[in-house]
Structures are given as structure tokens and as C-alpha cells.
Amino acid sequence: MKRLSLSLKQVSGVSMLALLLVLAGCKTGKVNSASVKEEQVKEIMPGILQGYLSKEEIPNSLALVPPPPAPGSIAFELDKEFAKKAVESKDTARFHLATRDANLNFPAAVKSFESTLGIEISEAKTPKLYRLMRRVLTDAALSTYAAKDHYQRSRPFVVNNTPTCSPQDEAMLRKDGSYPSGHTAIGWAWALVFCEIFPAKTDAILQRGYAFGESRVICNAHWHSDVETGRVMGAAAVAKLHANAGFQRDLAAAKEEAAKLGGVR
């Protein structure tokens, strides 16, 4: 997850089934955002807001996803095939998109979904949505670290000795476990939350969220199986968030904000 994920690591100490569980099994009542005084949220690291979930509430990736594919297994051969195709691809436009998707720093990170949602996201114009994205990012990212730290899987660029889309971050990425993909968990979590705020755009949002994860393979920064399990963890984080009063309050506020901008239809 480049520099951001390493900072989160210091702080912390999808399958279709997972998607359906989030969309169908985690519905809650409405929250009156106007009746709850907005809390002040601290940065746990420069540029990184505190998430909604406590350390105990963060989904445990070590318990939720299987071990990464073993060398020599059919699954690992599939991982290598995906990586080889990505390295050999001549699709420069897709590579440039993957490079943009790699940037999780705000305000640049909001650009990954802006065109899909059809609104400009910024701290000035959409402060509720902007803050929601920042806090969900933290929870989704931290959900991957139990497995990341346990398995310490090497990333594809380390194995195939081919550059990534962000060579300036490769030294740090070498120290950060590849499995599951934190970037993918974040992108999928954002997509699931955006589907609730912009229900008429669900198909396009999920396509963008899926592509966001695939960008990690295109970047040569993650294996295919890292991305698959990253989606599981993104969905698990959103499932946990639905039981959190602070998240429900901010989600309701973001819905109201988007409605006023005409983004919800």
C-alpha cells in the first residue's frame, strides 16, 4: 500500500458471497445526523484520520482469509500468469490509470471515484463525504495487517525483478507484506459505501471498485490472490462499520450532502 500503509502499520500494532453479505445482511435503521453533534476526529499519523473501529473491532484477516498460495501450487502459477500478463501488457492507458489508483494520499485519492460518482469530492465542497472516505480508508487498510504481518508475502516485483508503477515506493513496499492487498480493501470498501450513497450508480461504482483492485496487479505491486482477498477484507470492514454509530451518523450526513448536490438519483 506504499507509504500510507506503512504508517498505518505503525499505528495498528471480494468474493461475491462477501459482497452479498454486506449488501443484504447489514442493513440498519436511519440515523438523524442533525441530532448528533459532530465529533472532532484526530489524525493518527500526518494525513491519516482515525477510523471508526477500535482495535478490537477491526476484522481479523488472519482468521478470515486462507494462507496465500504456496510456491509450486496451481494457485501460485495462476498468480504468476496474471503478473506476467501485466508486465508484458502494452496498454499504456490502463497502466496510467493504475498509477493514479496507487495514490492513496488525500486530496489526490478522491479522484479515483469522482468521474464515476459524477460529483467533485473535496474538503471544501463535500466535507462529509471527504471525511467519510478518509476514515473508511483507515479501517479497511488496518483490516489487512494481521495476515500481512503473519505471512510477509513477497510482492511480484520482488520475484520477477520488474519495476512497479510507483518505483519511488518500492523500497518501502519490500518491507510491507503483499497478502492481502490493502489498496484493494480500501477501494472495495469505498465502492460498497458509495453504492449506499449513490444507489442509482451501483453497477458503475462496483465496476470502478473492482478495477481499482485490479490496478494493483497492473502495477506489478500485488498478486492476483492478494487482490481477491483484499476485496474480502474490504467487505468485512464495511460489515463491521454498519454496526458502528459514528459511521452510521457520517453515512447519513454524506447521503444528505450528496442529495443536495443532485448526486443521488
Protein backbone atom coordinates (compact mmCIF):
# COMPACT_ATOMS: atom_id res chain seq x y z
CA MET A 1 0.00 0.00 0.00
CA LYS A 2 3.02 2.25 -0.40
CA ARG A 3 3.85 4.88 2.22
CA LEU A 4 0.36 5.15 3.66
CA SER A 5 0.09 1.50 4.61
CA LEU A 6 3.43 1.56 6.39
CA SER A 7 2.22 4.49 8.50
CA LEU A 8 -0.97 2.59 9.34
CA LYS A 9 1.07 -0.45 10.29
CA GLN A 10 2.97 1.60 12.82
CA VAL A 11 -0.29 2.79 14.36
CA SER A 12 -2.09 -0.59 14.46
CA GLY A 13 0.24 -2.90 16.26
CA VAL A 14 -14.28 -9.92 -2.76
CA SER A 15 -15.85 -12.65 -3.28
CA MET A 16 -19.48 -12.35 -4.44
CA LEU A 17 -20.60 -14.02 -1.21
CA ALA A 18 -18.88 -11.35 0.85
CA LEU A 19 -20.49 -8.64 -1.26
CA LEU A 20 -23.95 -10.12 -0.81
CA LEU A 21 -23.47 -10.38 2.93
CA VAL A 22 -22.68 -6.69 3.11
CA LEU A 23 -25.42 -5.50 0.78
CA ALA A 24 -28.18 -7.82 2.03
CA GLY A 25 -27.35 -8.65 5.63
CA CYS A 26 -26.10 -5.44 7.20
CA LYS A 27 -28.95 -3.01 6.86
CA THR A 28 -29.75 -0.72 9.76
CA GLY A 29 -32.21 2.00 10.58
CA LYS A 30 -31.85 5.65 9.66
CA VAL A 31 -29.64 7.89 11.70
CA ASN A 32 -30.56 11.52 12.24
CA SER A 33 -27.23 13.16 11.60
CA ALA A 34 -28.52 16.57 12.59
CA SER A 35 -29.30 15.34 16.12
CA VAL A 36 -25.75 14.21 16.82
CA LYS A 37 -23.02 16.73 17.46
CA GLU A 38 -20.19 16.21 15.00
CA GLU A 39 -17.09 14.90 16.70
CA GLN A 40 -13.59 16.13 16.15
CA VAL A 41 -11.53 13.40 14.51
CA LYS A 42 -7.80 13.29 15.14
CA GLU A 43 -5.08 12.38 12.69
CA ILE A 44 -3.32 9.24 13.91
CA MET A 45 -0.46 9.98 11.52
CA PRO A 46 0.13 13.02 9.31
CA GLY A 47 -2.66 12.99 6.72
CA ILE A 48 -4.36 9.88 8.13
CA LEU A 49 -7.60 10.25 10.08
CA GLN A 50 -8.58 7.89 12.87
CA GLY A 51 -11.02 5.26 11.66
CA TYR A 52 -14.35 4.33 13.21
CA LEU A 53 -13.41 0.92 14.54
CA SER A 54 -11.49 0.14 17.70
CA LYS A 55 -8.52 -2.20 17.60
CA GLU A 56 -10.75 -5.00 18.87
CA GLU A 57 -13.37 -4.32 16.18
CA ILE A 58 -11.00 -4.40 13.20
CA PRO A 59 -11.71 -7.56 11.15
CA ASN A 60 -9.02 -10.21 11.63
CA SER A 61 -7.65 -11.06 8.20
CA LEU A 62 -5.60 -13.92 9.60
CA ALA A 63 -8.86 -15.62 10.58
CA LEU A 64 -10.89 -14.58 7.54
CA VAL A 65 -8.68 -15.43 4.57
CA PRO A 66 -6.75 -18.64 3.80
CA PRO A 67 -2.95 -18.71 3.60
CA PRO A 68 -1.52 -17.30 0.37
CA PRO A 69 -0.88 -19.76 -2.47
CA ALA A 70 2.19 -21.89 -1.83
CA PRO A 71 5.06 -21.83 -4.35
CA GLY A 72 4.54 -24.56 -6.90
CA SER A 73 0.78 -24.71 -6.35
CA ILE A 74 -1.75 -24.27 -9.15
CA ALA A 75 -2.99 -21.10 -7.45
CA PHE A 76 0.50 -19.61 -7.42
CA GLU A 77 1.00 -20.50 -11.06
CA LEU A 78 -2.17 -18.53 -11.76
CA ASP A 79 -0.76 -15.61 -9.76
CA LYS A 80 2.39 -15.70 -11.87
CA GLU A 81 0.36 -15.83 -15.07
CA PHE A 82 -1.57 -12.70 -14.12
CA ALA A 83 1.67 -10.95 -13.17
CA LYS A 84 3.34 -11.94 -16.44
CA LYS A 85 0.44 -10.59 -18.48
CA ALA A 86 0.56 -7.33 -16.56
CA VAL A 87 4.29 -6.89 -17.07
CA GLU A 88 4.03 -7.67 -20.79
CA SER A 89 0.96 -5.52 -21.42
CA LYS A 90 1.28 -2.63 -23.89
CA ASP A 91 -1.89 -0.92 -22.64
CA THR A 92 -0.36 2.37 -21.52
CA ALA A 93 -3.72 3.98 -20.75
CA ARG A 94 -4.55 1.19 -18.29
CA PHE A 95 -1.09 1.45 -16.73
CA HIS A 96 -1.54 5.20 -16.23
CA LEU A 97 -4.92 4.58 -14.55
CA ALA A 98 -3.30 2.02 -12.27
CA THR A 99 -0.61 4.55 -11.41
CA ARG A 100 -3.26 7.09 -10.41
CA ASP A 101 -5.11 4.45 -8.39
CA ALA A 102 -1.92 3.75 -6.46
CA ASN A 103 -2.03 7.19 -4.82
CA LEU A 104 -3.95 6.94 -1.54
CA ASN A 105 -2.91 10.34 -0.27
CA PHE A 106 -5.63 12.97 0.08
CA PRO A 107 -6.82 15.01 -1.75
CA ALA A 108 -5.49 13.05 -4.77
CA ALA A 109 -7.18 9.83 -3.64
CA VAL A 110 -10.71 11.17 -4.20
CA LYS A 111 -10.07 11.41 -7.93
CA SER A 112 -10.29 7.63 -8.26
CA PHE A 113 -14.09 7.68 -7.95
CA GLU A 114 -15.05 11.24 -8.90
CA SER A 115 -15.90 10.61 -12.54
CA THR A 116 -17.93 7.53 -11.62
CA LEU A 117 -19.96 9.39 -9.00
CA GLY A 118 -20.40 12.45 -11.18
CA ILE A 119 -19.52 14.97 -8.49
CA GLU A 120 -16.43 16.80 -7.33
CA ILE A 121 -15.20 15.50 -3.99
CA SER A 122 -13.23 17.92 -1.86
CA GLU A 123 -12.87 19.07 1.72
CA ALA A 124 -14.48 22.37 0.76
CA LYS A 125 -17.38 21.18 -1.44
CA THR A 126 -18.22 17.79 0.09
CA PRO A 127 -16.70 17.78 3.59
CA LYS A 128 -18.93 14.96 4.88
CA LEU A 129 -18.11 12.61 2.03
CA TYR A 130 -14.46 13.61 2.11
CA ARG A 131 -14.15 12.76 5.81
CA LEU A 132 -16.08 9.52 5.38
CA MET A 133 -13.63 8.38 2.69
CA ARG A 134 -10.65 9.18 4.88
CA ARG A 135 -11.96 7.30 7.90
CA VAL A 136 -13.14 4.25 5.94
CA LEU A 137 -9.70 4.10 4.34
CA THR A 138 -8.09 3.66 7.75
CA ASP A 139 -10.41 0.85 8.87
CA ALA A 140 -10.18 -1.04 5.59
CA ALA A 141 -6.40 -0.76 5.47
CA LEU A 142 -5.90 -1.92 9.05
CA SER A 143 -8.11 -4.96 8.44
CA THR A 144 -5.41 -6.47 6.22
CA TYR A 145 -2.47 -6.28 8.60
CA ALA A 146 -2.93 -9.39 10.74
CA ALA A 147 -2.38 -11.53 7.65
CA LYS A 148 0.13 -9.14 6.07
CA ASP A 149 2.37 -9.28 9.13
CA HIS A 150 1.96 -13.02 9.64
CA TYR A 151 2.69 -14.20 6.10
CA GLN A 152 5.08 -11.44 4.97
CA ARG A 153 4.48 -12.49 1.37
CA SER A 154 6.91 -11.09 -1.19
CA ARG A 155 5.41 -8.87 -3.86
CA PRO A 156 5.53 -9.77 -7.55
CA PHE A 157 8.08 -7.11 -8.46
CA VAL A 158 10.46 -8.67 -5.94
CA VAL A 159 10.02 -12.10 -7.54
CA ASN A 160 10.02 -11.09 -11.21
CA ASN A 161 12.51 -8.23 -10.78
CA THR A 162 10.39 -5.86 -12.88
CA PRO A 163 9.51 -2.27 -11.87
CA THR A 164 6.13 -1.25 -10.44
CA CYS A 165 4.01 1.75 -11.41
CA SER A 166 5.44 3.57 -8.36
CA PRO A 167 9.19 2.80 -8.34
CA GLN A 168 9.79 5.53 -5.78
CA ASP A 169 7.95 3.41 -3.22
CA GLU A 170 9.48 0.04 -3.95
CA ALA A 171 11.96 0.13 -1.07
CA MET A 172 9.07 0.55 1.37
CA LEU A 173 6.84 -1.95 -0.40
CA ARG A 174 9.53 -4.61 0.02
CA LYS A 175 9.05 -4.33 3.78
CA ASP A 176 5.25 -4.44 3.62
CA GLY A 177 3.54 -7.82 3.22
CA SER A 178 1.74 -8.37 -0.07
CA TYR A 179 -1.17 -10.51 1.18
CA PRO A 180 -3.95 -9.33 1.31
CA SER A 181 -3.88 -6.13 -0.72
CA GLY A 182 -4.62 -3.08 1.41
CA HIS A 183 -5.22 -0.90 -1.63
CA THR A 184 -7.86 -3.33 -2.83
CA ALA A 185 -9.54 -3.50 0.58
CA ILE A 186 -9.78 0.28 0.60
CA GLY A 187 -11.11 0.59 -2.94
CA TRP A 188 -13.71 -2.13 -2.43
CA ALA A 189 -14.82 -0.68 0.91
CA TRP A 190 -15.21 2.73 -0.74
CA ALA A 191 -17.21 1.17 -3.56
CA LEU A 192 -19.61 -0.59 -1.18
CA VAL A 193 -20.16 2.60 0.82
CA PHE A 194 -20.63 4.69 -2.32
CA CYS A 195 -23.28 2.23 -3.51
CA GLU A 196 -25.35 3.17 -0.46
CA ILE A 197 -24.95 6.88 -1.08
CA PHE A 198 -25.46 6.72 -4.86
CA PRO A 199 -27.71 3.65 -5.36
CA ALA A 200 -28.64 4.53 -8.94
CA LYS A 201 -24.97 4.22 -9.90
CA THR A 202 -24.32 0.87 -8.20
CA ASP A 203 -23.17 -1.02 -11.31
CA ALA A 204 -20.70 1.66 -12.38
CA ILE A 205 -19.40 2.07 -8.82
CA LEU A 206 -18.78 -1.65 -8.38
CA GLN A 207 -17.03 -1.79 -11.76
CA ARG A 208 -14.76 1.07 -10.67
CA GLY A 209 -14.13 -0.55 -7.30
CA TYR A 210 -13.25 -3.83 -9.00
CA ALA A 211 -10.90 -2.09 -11.43
CA PHE A 212 -9.28 -0.24 -8.52
CA GLY A 213 -8.18 -3.56 -7.11
CA GLU A 214 -7.07 -4.90 -10.50
CA SER A 215 -4.83 -1.85 -10.76
CA ARG A 216 -2.59 -3.42 -8.14
CA VAL A 217 -1.88 -6.35 -10.46
CA ILE A 218 -1.35 -3.97 -13.40
CA CYS A 219 1.11 -2.07 -11.20
CA ASN A 220 3.09 -5.28 -10.52
CA ALA A 221 2.69 -4.47 -6.82
CA HIS A 222 0.30 -7.30 -5.87
CA TRP A 223 -0.53 -10.83 -6.90
CA HIS A 224 -3.98 -11.76 -8.18
CA SER A 225 -4.74 -13.67 -4.95
CA ASP A 226 -3.71 -10.61 -2.89
CA VAL A 227 -6.40 -8.63 -4.70
CA GLU A 228 -9.06 -11.32 -4.32
CA THR A 229 -8.57 -11.49 -0.56
CA GLY A 230 -8.28 -7.71 -0.36
CA ARG A 231 -11.88 -7.49 -1.56
CA VAL A 232 -12.93 -9.93 1.16
CA MET A 233 -11.33 -7.71 3.79
CA GLY A 234 -12.86 -4.55 2.33
CA ALA A 235 -16.30 -6.16 2.57
CA ALA A 236 -15.57 -7.38 6.11
CA ALA A 237 -14.59 -3.88 7.19
CA VAL A 238 -17.81 -2.40 5.79
CA ALA A 239 -19.85 -5.11 7.54
CA LYS A 240 -18.25 -4.10 10.84
CA LEU A 241 -18.78 -0.42 10.11
CA HIS A 242 -22.52 -0.92 9.79
CA ALA A 243 -22.69 -1.72 13.49
CA ASN A 244 -20.84 1.50 14.38
CA ALA A 245 -22.95 4.51 15.40
CA GLY A 246 -20.32 7.01 14.30
CA PHE A 247 -20.14 5.51 10.83
CA GLN A 248 -23.93 5.42 10.54
CA ARG A 249 -24.11 9.07 11.51
CA ASP A 250 -21.47 10.12 9.00
CA LEU A 251 -23.00 7.93 6.28
CA ALA A 252 -26.37 9.62 6.78
CA ALA A 253 -24.71 13.04 6.66
CA ALA A 254 -22.88 12.12 3.44
CA LYS A 255 -26.16 10.97 1.87
CA GLU A 256 -27.79 14.30 2.73
CA GLU A 257 -24.82 16.19 1.35
CA ALA A 258 -24.85 14.24 -1.92
CA ALA A 259 -28.60 14.70 -2.29
CA LYS A 260 -28.25 18.47 -2.02
CA LEU A 261 -25.67 18.38 -4.82
CA GLY A 262 -28.01 16.37 -7.00
CA GLY A 263 -25.71 13.37 -6.99
CA VAL A 264 -28.32 10.90 -5.71
CA ARG A 265 -30.85 9.77 -8.32
